[in-house]
Amino acid sequence: MGIRRLVDEIEEKPVRELANEVGSFGDDRVAGAVEEFARRWHHGVKHLTTDLKEIDGRLQQTIRAYAGNEQRVIDMLSEINQEKLDD
């Protein structure tokens, strides 16, 4: 699973939405605990997704840099090979 897909899935249905369903837990103590968990979890996941997006961006830059360097090496080797064939 790619980083972007993971972030999209996390953002699609955040855990904090559990707080909207608190009444379905019956007991007020359980509902309160779930609400508190959802609030804290959302806060942590928000920071995590921000970090994951930053990592994804940096990985994409690295991929582009490697691809560019690889292409330059291929071009140089092709040129050297062509020079050898022309001799």
C-alpha atoms as a PDB file:
ATOM      1  CA  MET A   1       0.000   0.000   0.000  1.00  0.00           C
ATOM      2  CA  GLY A   2       1.396   3.358  -0.981  1.00  0.00           C
ATOM      3  CA  ILE A   3       1.708   6.277   1.386  1.00  0.00           C
ATOM      4  CA  ARG A   4      -0.824   8.375  -0.513  1.00  0.00           C
ATOM      5  CA  ARG A   5      -3.394   5.589  -0.465  1.00  0.00           C
ATOM      6  CA  LEU A   6      -2.889   5.059   3.262  1.00  0.00           C
ATOM      7  CA  VAL A   7      -3.355   8.761   3.989  1.00  0.00           C
ATOM      8  CA  ASP A   8      -6.463   8.856   1.794  1.00  0.00           C
ATOM      9  CA  GLU A   9      -7.972   5.910   3.666  1.00  0.00           C
ATOM     10  CA  ILE A  10      -7.195   7.465   7.048  1.00  0.00           C
ATOM     11  CA  GLU A  11      -8.720  10.774   6.010  1.00  0.00           C
ATOM     12  CA  GLU A  12     -11.772   9.137   4.425  1.00  0.00           C
ATOM     13  CA  LYS A  13     -13.335   8.105   7.747  1.00  0.00           C
ATOM     14  CA  PRO A  14     -11.481   9.542  10.695  1.00  0.00           C
ATOM     15  CA  VAL A  15     -11.778   7.817  14.047  1.00  0.00           C
ATOM     16  CA  ARG A  16     -13.185  11.041  15.535  1.00  0.00           C
ATOM     17  CA  GLU A  17     -16.424  10.197  13.719  1.00  0.00           C
ATOM     18  CA  LEU A  18     -16.933   7.588  16.434  1.00  0.00           C
ATOM     19  CA  ALA A  19     -17.775  10.494  18.698  1.00  0.00           C
ATOM     20  CA  ASN A  20     -20.845  11.113  16.559  1.00  0.00           C
ATOM     21  CA  GLU A  21     -22.026   7.594  17.382  1.00  0.00           C
ATOM     22  CA  VAL A  22     -21.421   7.844  21.147  1.00  0.00           C
ATOM     23  CA  GLY A  23     -25.062   7.164  21.983  1.00  0.00           C
ATOM     24  CA  SER A  24     -24.815   3.723  20.432  1.00  0.00           C
ATOM     25  CA  PHE A  25     -22.490   2.610  23.247  1.00  0.00           C
ATOM     26  CA  GLY A  26     -25.229   2.749  25.874  1.00  0.00           C
ATOM     27  CA  ASP A  27     -23.258   3.342  29.046  1.00  0.00           C
ATOM     28  CA  ASP A  28     -22.209   6.960  29.534  1.00  0.00           C
ATOM     29  CA  ARG A  29     -18.791   5.986  30.904  1.00  0.00           C
ATOM     30  CA  VAL A  30     -18.042   3.821  27.866  1.00  0.00           C
ATOM     31  CA  ALA A  31     -19.370   6.529  25.552  1.00  0.00           C
ATOM     32  CA  GLY A  32     -17.183   9.130  27.282  1.00  0.00           C
ATOM     33  CA  ALA A  33     -14.115   6.915  27.031  1.00  0.00           C
ATOM     34  CA  VAL A  34     -14.753   6.320  23.331  1.00  0.00           C
ATOM     35  CA  GLU A  35     -15.251  10.042  22.761  1.00  0.00           C
ATOM     36  CA  GLU A  36     -11.982  10.866  24.554  1.00  0.00           C
ATOM     37  CA  PHE A  37     -10.142   8.133  22.663  1.00  0.00           C
ATOM     38  CA  ALA A  38     -11.519   9.404  19.345  1.00  0.00           C
ATOM     39  CA  ARG A  39     -10.482  12.975  20.146  1.00  0.00           C
ATOM     40  CA  ARG A  40      -6.934  11.973  21.093  1.00  0.00           C
ATOM     41  CA  TRP A  41      -6.630   9.520  18.231  1.00  0.00           C
ATOM     42  CA  HIS A  42      -7.757  12.161  15.727  1.00  0.00           C
ATOM     43  CA  HIS A  43      -5.153  14.588  17.044  1.00  0.00           C
ATOM     44  CA  GLY A  44      -2.378  11.999  16.700  1.00  0.00           C
ATOM     45  CA  VAL A  45      -3.503  10.787  13.281  1.00  0.00           C
ATOM     46  CA  LYS A  46      -3.691  14.367  12.037  1.00  0.00           C
ATOM     47  CA  HIS A  47       0.008  14.827  12.860  1.00  0.00           C
ATOM     48  CA  LEU A  48       0.850  11.420  11.426  1.00  0.00           C
ATOM     49  CA  THR A  49      -0.869  12.133   8.101  1.00  0.00           C
ATOM     50  CA  THR A  50       0.903  15.490   7.874  1.00  0.00           C
ATOM     51  CA  ASP A  51       4.239  13.711   8.384  1.00  0.00           C
ATOM     52  CA  LEU A  52       3.308  11.001   5.875  1.00  0.00           C
ATOM     53  CA  LYS A  53       2.481  13.598   3.239  1.00  0.00           C
ATOM     54  CA  GLU A  54       5.867  15.229   3.822  1.00  0.00           C
ATOM     55  CA  ILE A  55       7.623  11.857   3.528  1.00  0.00           C
ATOM     56  CA  ASP A  56       5.709  11.091   0.340  1.00  0.00           C
ATOM     57  CA  GLY A  57       6.730  14.414  -1.178  1.00  0.00           C
ATOM     58  CA  ARG A  58      10.371  13.848  -0.339  1.00  0.00           C
ATOM     59  CA  LEU A  59      10.266  10.305  -1.702  1.00  0.00           C
ATOM     60  CA  GLN A  60       8.765  11.614  -4.943  1.00  0.00           C
ATOM     61  CA  GLN A  61      11.595  14.165  -5.215  1.00  0.00           C
ATOM     62  CA  THR A  62      14.133  11.399  -4.609  1.00  0.00           C
ATOM     63  CA  ILE A  63      12.539   9.197  -7.260  1.00  0.00           C
ATOM     64  CA  ARG A  64      12.645  12.031  -9.797  1.00  0.00           C
ATOM     65  CA  ALA A  65      16.289  12.766  -8.941  1.00  0.00           C
ATOM     66  CA  TYR A  66      17.301   9.117  -9.321  1.00  0.00           C
ATOM     67  CA  ALA A  67      15.364   8.799 -12.579  1.00  0.00           C
ATOM     68  CA  GLY A  68      17.042  11.913 -13.946  1.00  0.00           C
ATOM     69  CA  ASN A  69      20.490  10.667 -12.963  1.00  0.00           C
ATOM     70  CA  GLU A  70      19.782   7.244 -14.390  1.00  0.00           C
ATOM     71  CA  GLN A  71      18.733   8.787 -17.690  1.00  0.00           C
ATOM     72  CA  ARG A  72      21.917  10.875 -17.823  1.00  0.00           C
ATOM     73  CA  VAL A  73      24.022   7.733 -17.229  1.00  0.00           C
ATOM     74  CA  ILE A  74      22.094   5.865 -19.939  1.00  0.00           C
ATOM     75  CA  ASP A  75      22.646   8.753 -22.348  1.00  0.00           C
ATOM     76  CA  MET A  76      26.370   8.898 -21.549  1.00  0.00           C
ATOM     77  CA  LEU A  77      26.797   5.144 -21.964  1.00  0.00           C
ATOM     78  CA  SER A  78      24.837   5.200 -25.207  1.00  0.00           C
ATOM     79  CA  GLU A  79      27.059   7.993 -26.488  1.00  0.00           C
ATOM     80  CA  ILE A  80      30.207   6.081 -25.497  1.00  0.00           C
ATOM     81  CA  ASN A  81      28.836   2.947 -27.130  1.00  0.00           C
ATOM     82  CA  GLN A  82      27.982   4.850 -30.315  1.00  0.00           C
ATOM     83  CA  GLU A  83      31.483   6.349 -30.423  1.00  0.00           C
ATOM     84  CA  LYS A  84      32.978   2.845 -30.123  1.00  0.00           C
ATOM     85  CA  LEU A  85      30.731   1.585 -32.925  1.00  0.00           C
ATOM     86  CA  ASP A  86      31.695   4.533 -35.132  1.00  0.00           C
ATOM     87  CA  ASP A  87      35.422   3.796 -34.711  1.00  0.00           C
END
